[in-house]
Amino acid sequence: MIKVLFFAKLSEQLGTRELLIESNNIKDTEQLFQHLLKYQADWSGVLNSQIWLKAVNQSMTTKNVVLNDGDEVAYFPPVTGG
């Protein structure tokens, strides 16, 4: 299983903070994101609405990362300030 976490307004828009996804057909973060786009009918619009930051096993990354069973992937909006 891959643990997927959503933070801040992303979790509010998706209506969940955490998912467990079977890792059998998910080889990397790009495949995971494509899977999430199809997970719920309205998720595609939310996930495609902006660029979300991601961390794999609590390490920030902008690259496509190979995933293994037991990995944790977190998505969250860019930090803004004022």
PDB file of N, CA and C in Angstrom:
ATOM      1  N   MET A   1       0.830  -1.185   0.000  1.00  0.00           N
ATOM      2  CA  MET A   1       0.000   0.000   0.000  1.00  0.00           C
ATOM      3  C   MET A   1       0.876   1.250   0.000  1.00  0.00           C
ATOM      4  N   ILE A   2       0.404   2.259  -0.667  1.00  0.00           N
ATOM      5  CA  ILE A   2       1.041   3.572  -0.654  1.00  0.00           C
ATOM      6  C   ILE A   2       0.112   4.501   0.118  1.00  0.00           C
ATOM      7  N   LYS A   3       0.669   5.184   1.083  1.00  0.00           N
ATOM      8  CA  LYS A   3      -0.107   6.141   1.876  1.00  0.00           C
ATOM      9  C   LYS A   3      -0.015   7.494   1.192  1.00  0.00           C
ATOM     10  N   VAL A   4      -1.172   8.087   0.889  1.00  0.00           N
ATOM     11  CA  VAL A   4      -1.228   9.387   0.231  1.00  0.00           C
ATOM     12  C   VAL A   4      -1.869  10.376   1.198  1.00  0.00           C
ATOM     13  N   LEU A   5      -1.174  11.491   1.426  1.00  0.00           N
ATOM     14  CA  LEU A   5      -1.658  12.524   2.335  1.00  0.00           C
ATOM     15  C   LEU A   5      -1.939  13.807   1.562  1.00  0.00           C
ATOM     16  N   PHE A   6      -2.997  14.504   1.947  1.00  0.00           N
ATOM     17  CA  PHE A   6      -3.349  15.789   1.351  1.00  0.00           C
ATOM     18  C   PHE A   6      -3.416  16.819   2.472  1.00  0.00           C
ATOM     19  N   PHE A   7      -2.866  18.006   2.229  1.00  0.00           N
ATOM     20  CA  PHE A   7      -2.803  19.029   3.265  1.00  0.00           C
ATOM     21  C   PHE A   7      -3.458  20.332   2.821  1.00  0.00           C
ATOM     22  N   ALA A   8      -3.813  21.139   3.816  1.00  0.00           N
ATOM     23  CA  ALA A   8      -4.332  22.498   3.636  1.00  0.00           C
ATOM     24  C   ALA A   8      -5.568  22.493   2.740  1.00  0.00           C
ATOM     25  N   LYS A   9      -5.653  23.472   1.833  1.00  0.00           N
ATOM     26  CA  LYS A   9      -6.876  23.603   1.036  1.00  0.00           C
ATOM     27  C   LYS A   9      -7.089  22.413   0.114  1.00  0.00           C
ATOM     28  N   LEU A  10      -6.025  21.695  -0.230  1.00  0.00           N
ATOM     29  CA  LEU A  10      -6.195  20.515  -1.079  1.00  0.00           C
ATOM     30  C   LEU A  10      -7.033  19.459  -0.358  1.00  0.00           C
ATOM     31  N   SER A  11      -6.760  19.217   0.905  1.00  0.00           N
ATOM     32  CA  SER A  11      -7.556  18.234   1.654  1.00  0.00           C
ATOM     33  C   SER A  11      -9.006  18.699   1.784  1.00  0.00           C
ATOM     34  N   GLU A  12      -9.200  20.000   1.938  1.00  0.00           N
ATOM     35  CA  GLU A  12     -10.562  20.540   2.024  1.00  0.00           C
ATOM     36  C   GLU A  12     -11.309  20.347   0.709  1.00  0.00           C
ATOM     37  N   GLN A  13     -10.640  20.625  -0.407  1.00  0.00           N
ATOM     38  CA  GLN A  13     -11.288  20.508  -1.710  1.00  0.00           C
ATOM     39  C   GLN A  13     -11.580  19.055  -2.084  1.00  0.00           C
ATOM     40  N   LEU A  14     -10.701  18.136  -1.682  1.00  0.00           N
ATOM     41  CA  LEU A  14     -10.907  16.725  -2.011  1.00  0.00           C
ATOM     42  C   LEU A  14     -11.797  16.017  -0.997  1.00  0.00           C
ATOM     43  N   GLY A  15     -11.938  16.614   0.179  1.00  0.00           N
ATOM     44  CA  GLY A  15     -12.784  16.018   1.203  1.00  0.00           C
ATOM     45  C   GLY A  15     -12.134  14.879   1.967  1.00  0.00           C
ATOM     46  N   THR A  16     -10.817  14.780   1.896  1.00  0.00           N
ATOM     47  CA  THR A  16     -10.097  13.746   2.644  1.00  0.00           C
ATOM     48  C   THR A  16      -8.672  14.195   2.914  1.00  0.00           C
ATOM     49  N   ARG A  17      -8.096  13.679   3.983  1.00  0.00           N
ATOM     50  CA  ARG A  17      -6.699  13.982   4.312  1.00  0.00           C
ATOM     51  C   ARG A  17      -5.772  12.825   3.975  1.00  0.00           C
ATOM     52  N   GLU A  18      -6.326  11.617   3.847  1.00  0.00           N
ATOM     53  CA  GLU A  18      -5.466  10.447   3.694  1.00  0.00           C
ATOM     54  C   GLU A  18      -6.149   9.348   2.891  1.00  0.00           C
ATOM     55  N   LEU A  19      -5.364   8.679   2.054  1.00  0.00           N
ATOM     56  CA  LEU A  19      -5.822   7.511   1.300  1.00  0.00           C
ATOM     57  C   LEU A  19      -4.765   6.430   1.392  1.00  0.00           C
ATOM     58  N   LEU A  20      -5.190   5.189   1.294  1.00  0.00           N
ATOM     59  CA  LEU A  20      -4.272   4.073   1.113  1.00  0.00           C
ATOM     60  C   LEU A  20      -4.564   3.484  -0.258  1.00  0.00           C
ATOM     61  N   ILE A  21      -3.545   3.436  -1.102  1.00  0.00           N
ATOM     62  CA  ILE A  21      -3.691   2.977  -2.482  1.00  0.00           C
ATOM     63  C   ILE A  21      -2.891   1.691  -2.660  1.00  0.00           C
ATOM     64  N   GLU A  22      -3.501   0.681  -3.280  1.00  0.00           N
ATOM     65  CA  GLU A  22      -2.763  -0.543  -3.604  1.00  0.00           C
ATOM     66  C   GLU A  22      -1.594  -0.189  -4.515  1.00  0.00           C
ATOM     67  N   SER A  23      -0.436  -0.693  -4.188  1.00  0.00           N
ATOM     68  CA  SER A  23       0.770  -0.322  -4.934  1.00  0.00           C
ATOM     69  C   SER A  23       1.046  -1.225  -6.129  1.00  0.00           C
ATOM     70  N   ASN A  24       0.209  -2.217  -6.370  1.00  0.00           N
ATOM     71  CA  ASN A  24       0.468  -3.190  -7.438  1.00  0.00           C
ATOM     72  C   ASN A  24       0.721  -2.560  -8.799  1.00  0.00           C
ATOM     73  N   ASN A  25      -0.095  -1.602  -9.202  1.00  0.00           N
ATOM     74  CA  ASN A  25       0.022  -1.008 -10.535  1.00  0.00           C
ATOM     75  C   ASN A  25       0.611   0.394 -10.515  1.00  0.00           C
ATOM     76  N   ILE A  26       1.067   0.848  -9.365  1.00  0.00           N
ATOM     77  CA  ILE A  26       1.628   2.191  -9.230  1.00  0.00           C
ATOM     78  C   ILE A  26       3.137   2.061  -9.089  1.00  0.00           C
ATOM     79  N   LYS A  27       3.857   2.457 -10.119  1.00  0.00           N
ATOM     80  CA  LYS A  27       5.317   2.296 -10.115  1.00  0.00           C
ATOM     81  C   LYS A  27       6.065   3.562  -9.705  1.00  0.00           C
ATOM     82  N   ASP A  28       5.442   4.743  -9.908  1.00  0.00           N
ATOM     83  CA  ASP A  28       6.138   5.997  -9.615  1.00  0.00           C
ATOM     84  C   ASP A  28       5.124   7.094  -9.315  1.00  0.00           C
ATOM     85  N   THR A  29       5.632   8.268  -8.961  1.00  0.00           N
ATOM     86  CA  THR A  29       4.735   9.355  -8.558  1.00  0.00           C
ATOM     87  C   THR A  29       3.869   9.852  -9.713  1.00  0.00           C
ATOM     88  N   GLU A  30       4.349   9.754 -10.936  1.00  0.00           N
ATOM     89  CA  GLU A  30       3.523  10.169 -12.078  1.00  0.00           C
ATOM     90  C   GLU A  30       2.332   9.229 -12.237  1.00  0.00           C
ATOM     91  N   GLN A  31       2.560   7.932 -12.132  1.00  0.00           N
ATOM     92  CA  GLN A  31       1.451   6.976 -12.211  1.00  0.00           C
ATOM     93  C   GLN A  31       0.476   7.175 -11.050  1.00  0.00           C
ATOM     94  N   LEU A  32       1.003   7.478  -9.880  1.00  0.00           N
ATOM     95  CA  LEU A  32       0.130   7.739  -8.732  1.00  0.00           C
ATOM     96  C   LEU A  32      -0.754   8.949  -8.998  1.00  0.00           C
ATOM     97  N   PHE A  33      -0.170  10.031  -9.509  1.00  0.00           N
ATOM     98  CA  PHE A  33      -0.950  11.236  -9.788  1.00  0.00           C
ATOM     99  C   PHE A  33      -2.031  10.942 -10.831  1.00  0.00           C
ATOM    100  N   GLN A  34      -1.687  10.196 -11.878  1.00  0.00           N
ATOM    101  CA  GLN A  34      -2.675   9.835 -12.899  1.00  0.00           C
ATOM    102  C   GLN A  34      -3.801   8.991 -12.289  1.00  0.00           C
ATOM    103  N   HIS A  35      -3.450   8.107 -11.375  1.00  0.00           N
ATOM    104  CA  HIS A  35      -4.452   7.299 -10.668  1.00  0.00           C
ATOM    105  C   HIS A  35      -5.379   8.203  -9.848  1.00  0.00           C
ATOM    106  N   LEU A  36      -4.808   9.182  -9.163  1.00  0.00           N
ATOM    107  CA  LEU A  36      -5.606  10.092  -8.340  1.00  0.00           C
ATOM    108  C   LEU A  36      -6.558  10.931  -9.187  1.00  0.00           C
ATOM    109  N   LEU A  37      -6.141  11.293 -10.399  1.00  0.00           N
ATOM    110  CA  LEU A  37      -7.016  12.068 -11.287  1.00  0.00           C
ATOM    111  C   LEU A  37      -8.309  11.316 -11.589  1.00  0.00           C
ATOM    112  N   LYS A  38      -8.248   9.985 -11.583  1.00  0.00           N
ATOM    113  CA  LYS A  38      -9.411   9.155 -11.904  1.00  0.00           C
ATOM    114  C   LYS A  38     -10.098   8.591 -10.662  1.00  0.00           C
ATOM    115  N   TYR A  39      -9.547   8.844  -9.480  1.00  0.00           N
ATOM    116  CA  TYR A  39     -10.038   8.225  -8.246  1.00  0.00           C
ATOM    117  C   TYR A  39     -11.486   8.613  -7.939  1.00  0.00           C
ATOM    118  N   GLN A  40     -11.798   9.887  -8.064  1.00  0.00           N
ATOM    119  CA  GLN A  40     -13.158  10.399  -7.882  1.00  0.00           C
ATOM    120  C   GLN A  40     -13.461  11.303  -9.071  1.00  0.00           C
ATOM    121  N   ALA A  41     -14.718  11.373  -9.444  1.00  0.00           N
ATOM    122  CA  ALA A  41     -15.100  12.128 -10.635  1.00  0.00           C
ATOM    123  C   ALA A  41     -14.662  13.586 -10.588  1.00  0.00           C
ATOM    124  N   ASP A  42     -14.749  14.225  -9.432  1.00  0.00           N
ATOM    125  CA  ASP A  42     -14.443  15.655  -9.352  1.00  0.00           C
ATOM    126  C   ASP A  42     -12.990  15.951  -8.980  1.00  0.00           C
ATOM    127  N   TRP A  43     -12.175  14.945  -8.751  1.00  0.00           N
ATOM    128  CA  TRP A  43     -10.793  15.184  -8.342  1.00  0.00           C
ATOM    129  C   TRP A  43      -9.928  15.733  -9.462  1.00  0.00           C
ATOM    130  N   SER A  44     -10.213  15.378 -10.692  1.00  0.00           N
ATOM    131  CA  SER A  44      -9.395  15.838 -11.812  1.00  0.00           C
ATOM    132  C   SER A  44      -9.349  17.358 -11.874  1.00  0.00           C
ATOM    133  N   GLY A  45     -10.498  18.000 -11.736  1.00  0.00           N
ATOM    134  CA  GLY A  45     -10.541  19.459 -11.773  1.00  0.00           C
ATOM    135  C   GLY A  45      -9.744  20.097 -10.655  1.00  0.00           C
ATOM    136  N   VAL A  46      -9.840  19.531  -9.465  1.00  0.00           N
ATOM    137  CA  VAL A  46      -9.103  20.065  -8.312  1.00  0.00           C
ATOM    138  C   VAL A  46      -7.605  19.858  -8.503  1.00  0.00           C
ATOM    139  N   LEU A  47      -7.208  18.641  -8.833  1.00  0.00           N
ATOM    140  CA  LEU A  47      -5.781  18.327  -8.945  1.00  0.00           C
ATOM    141  C   LEU A  47      -5.116  19.045 -10.117  1.00  0.00           C
ATOM    142  N   ASN A  48      -5.872  19.313 -11.171  1.00  0.00           N
ATOM    143  CA  ASN A  48      -5.315  20.027 -12.326  1.00  0.00           C
ATOM    144  C   ASN A  48      -5.422  21.540 -12.196  1.00  0.00           C
ATOM    145  N   SER A  49      -6.004  22.039 -11.104  1.00  0.00           N
ATOM    146  CA  SER A  49      -6.247  23.474 -10.968  1.00  0.00           C
ATOM    147  C   SER A  49      -4.986  24.281 -10.679  1.00  0.00           C
ATOM    148  N   GLN A  50      -3.948  23.638 -10.178  1.00  0.00           N
ATOM    149  CA  GLN A  50      -2.685  24.325  -9.932  1.00  0.00           C
ATOM    150  C   GLN A  50      -1.584  23.286  -9.768  1.00  0.00           C
ATOM    151  N   ILE A  51      -0.374  23.748  -9.621  1.00  0.00           N
ATOM    152  CA  ILE A  51       0.743  22.842  -9.376  1.00  0.00           C
ATOM    153  C   ILE A  51       0.843  22.618  -7.875  1.00  0.00           C
ATOM    154  N   TRP A  52       0.789  21.370  -7.466  1.00  0.00           N
ATOM    155  CA  TRP A  52       0.871  21.007  -6.056  1.00  0.00           C
ATOM    156  C   TRP A  52       2.284  20.549  -5.739  1.00  0.00           C
ATOM    157  N   LEU A  53       2.758  20.894  -4.574  1.00  0.00           N
ATOM    158  CA  LEU A  53       4.050  20.395  -4.116  1.00  0.00           C
ATOM    159  C   LEU A  53       3.875  18.957  -3.659  1.00  0.00           C
ATOM    160  N   LYS A  54       4.974  18.179  -3.725  1.00  0.00           N
ATOM    161  CA  LYS A  54       4.880  16.808  -3.248  1.00  0.00           C
ATOM    162  C   LYS A  54       6.126  16.427  -2.479  1.00  0.00           C
ATOM    163  N   ALA A  55       5.921  15.516  -1.551  1.00  0.00           N
ATOM    164  CA  ALA A  55       7.018  14.947  -0.776  1.00  0.00           C
ATOM    165  C   ALA A  55       6.841  13.433  -0.773  1.00  0.00           C
ATOM    166  N   VAL A  56       7.947  12.726  -0.921  1.00  0.00           N
ATOM    167  CA  VAL A  56       7.936  11.270  -0.847  1.00  0.00           C
ATOM    168  C   VAL A  56       8.740  10.883   0.385  1.00  0.00           C
ATOM    169  N   ASN A  57       8.084  10.178   1.282  1.00  0.00           N
ATOM    170  CA  ASN A  57       8.717   9.788   2.550  1.00  0.00           C
ATOM    171  C   ASN A  57       9.329  10.998   3.249  1.00  0.00           C
ATOM    172  N   GLN A  58       8.563  12.090   3.247  1.00  0.00           N
ATOM    173  CA  GLN A  58       8.885  13.346   3.930  1.00  0.00           C
ATOM    174  C   GLN A  58      10.082  14.083   3.337  1.00  0.00           C
ATOM    175  N   SER A  59      10.415  13.788   2.084  1.00  0.00           N
ATOM    176  CA  SER A  59      11.466  14.529   1.371  1.00  0.00           C
ATOM    177  C   SER A  59      10.841  15.194   0.155  1.00  0.00           C
ATOM    178  N   MET A  60      10.946  16.516   0.094  1.00  0.00           N
ATOM    179  CA  MET A  60      10.395  17.266  -1.036  1.00  0.00           C
ATOM    180  C   MET A  60      11.055  16.816  -2.332  1.00  0.00           C
ATOM    181  N   THR A  61      10.250  16.777  -3.393  1.00  0.00           N
ATOM    182  CA  THR A  61      10.787  16.427  -4.702  1.00  0.00           C
ATOM    183  C   THR A  61       9.966  17.087  -5.797  1.00  0.00           C
ATOM    184  N   THR A  62      10.611  17.410  -6.887  1.00  0.00           N
ATOM    185  CA  THR A  62       9.917  17.900  -8.079  1.00  0.00           C
ATOM    186  C   THR A  62      10.030  16.879  -9.200  1.00  0.00           C
ATOM    187  N   LYS A  63      10.724  15.804  -8.950  1.00  0.00           N
ATOM    188  CA  LYS A  63      10.967  14.780  -9.970  1.00  0.00           C
ATOM    189  C   LYS A  63       9.980  13.623  -9.833  1.00  0.00           C
ATOM    190  N   ASN A  64       9.939  12.802 -10.878  1.00  0.00           N
ATOM    191  CA  ASN A  64       9.186  11.561 -10.840  1.00  0.00           C
ATOM    192  C   ASN A  64      10.003  10.566 -10.020  1.00  0.00           C
ATOM    193  N   VAL A  65       9.424  10.020  -8.973  1.00  0.00           N
ATOM    194  CA  VAL A  65      10.135   9.152  -8.037  1.00  0.00           C
ATOM    195  C   VAL A  65       9.541   7.747  -8.093  1.00  0.00           C
ATOM    196  N   VAL A  66      10.401   6.736  -8.156  1.00  0.00           N
ATOM    197  CA  VAL A  66       9.961   5.346  -8.095  1.00  0.00           C
ATOM    198  C   VAL A  66       9.387   5.087  -6.703  1.00  0.00           C
ATOM    199  N   LEU A  67       8.223   4.436  -6.670  1.00  0.00           N
ATOM    200  CA  LEU A  67       7.554   4.155  -5.398  1.00  0.00           C
ATOM    201  C   LEU A  67       7.627   2.673  -5.059  1.00  0.00           C
ATOM    202  N   ASN A  68       7.677   2.404  -3.771  1.00  0.00           N
ATOM    203  CA  ASN A  68       7.683   1.042  -3.255  1.00  0.00           C
ATOM    204  C   ASN A  68       6.543   0.872  -2.266  1.00  0.00           C
ATOM    205  N   ASP A  69       6.153  -0.359  -2.054  1.00  0.00           N
ATOM    206  CA  ASP A  69       5.128  -0.652  -1.072  1.00  0.00           C
ATOM    207  C   ASP A  69       5.538  -0.065   0.275  1.00  0.00           C
ATOM    208  N   GLY A  70       4.613   0.632   0.922  1.00  0.00           N
ATOM    209  CA  GLY A  70       4.889   1.246   2.215  1.00  0.00           C
ATOM    210  C   GLY A  70       5.328   2.696   2.148  1.00  0.00           C
ATOM    211  N   ASP A  71       5.548   3.227   0.939  1.00  0.00           N
ATOM    212  CA  ASP A  71       5.950   4.627   0.808  1.00  0.00           C
ATOM    213  C   ASP A  71       4.794   5.561   1.159  1.00  0.00           C
ATOM    214  N   GLU A  72       5.165   6.787   1.502  1.00  0.00           N
ATOM    215  CA  GLU A  72       4.199   7.840   1.815  1.00  0.00           C
ATOM    216  C   GLU A  72       4.425   8.997   0.847  1.00  0.00           C
ATOM    217  N   VAL A  73       3.346   9.446   0.217  1.00  0.00           N
ATOM    218  CA  VAL A  73       3.413  10.582  -0.701  1.00  0.00           C
ATOM    219  C   VAL A  73       2.448  11.641  -0.190  1.00  0.00           C
ATOM    220  N   ALA A  74       2.947  12.863  -0.037  1.00  0.00           N
ATOM    221  CA  ALA A  74       2.123  13.965   0.455  1.00  0.00           C
ATOM    222  C   ALA A  74       2.022  15.046  -0.612  1.00  0.00           C
ATOM    223  N   TYR A  75       0.834  15.598  -0.779  1.00  0.00           N
ATOM    224  CA  TYR A  75       0.588  16.699  -1.708  1.00  0.00           C
ATOM    225  C   TYR A  75       0.066  17.891  -0.913  1.00  0.00           C
ATOM    226  N   PHE A  76       0.546  19.076  -1.267  1.00  0.00           N
ATOM    227  CA  PHE A  76       0.099  20.282  -0.567  1.00  0.00           C
ATOM    228  C   PHE A  76       0.337  21.499  -1.443  1.00  0.00           C
ATOM    229  N   PRO A  77      -0.394  22.595  -1.171  1.00  0.00           N
ATOM    230  CA  PRO A  77      -0.233  23.800  -1.983  1.00  0.00           C
ATOM    231  C   PRO A  77       1.085  24.496  -1.665  1.00  0.00           C
ATOM    232  N   PRO A  78       1.577  25.279  -2.623  1.00  0.00           N
ATOM    233  CA  PRO A  78       2.773  26.077  -2.343  1.00  0.00           C
ATOM    234  C   PRO A  78       2.505  27.025  -1.178  1.00  0.00           C
ATOM    235  N   VAL A  79       3.506  27.258  -0.391  1.00  0.00           N
ATOM    236  CA  VAL A  79       3.384  28.167   0.747  1.00  0.00           C
ATOM    237  C   VAL A  79       3.372  29.595   0.226  1.00  0.00           C
ATOM    238  N   THR A  80       2.443  30.381   0.739  1.00  0.00           N
ATOM    239  CA  THR A  80       2.383  31.791   0.361  1.00  0.00           C
ATOM    240  C   THR A  80       2.431  32.630   1.622  1.00  0.00           C
ATOM    241  N   GLY A  81       2.831  33.818   1.471  1.00  0.00           N
ATOM    242  CA  GLY A  81       2.906  34.712   2.626  1.00  0.00           C
ATOM    243  C   GLY A  81       2.485  36.111   2.238  1.00  0.00           C
ATOM    244  N   GLY A  82       2.489  36.968   3.187  1.00  0.00           N
ATOM    245  CA  GLY A  82       2.077  38.313   2.867  1.00  0.00           C
ATOM    246  C   GLY A  82       2.610  39.314   3.840  1.00  0.00           C
TER     247      GLY A  82
END
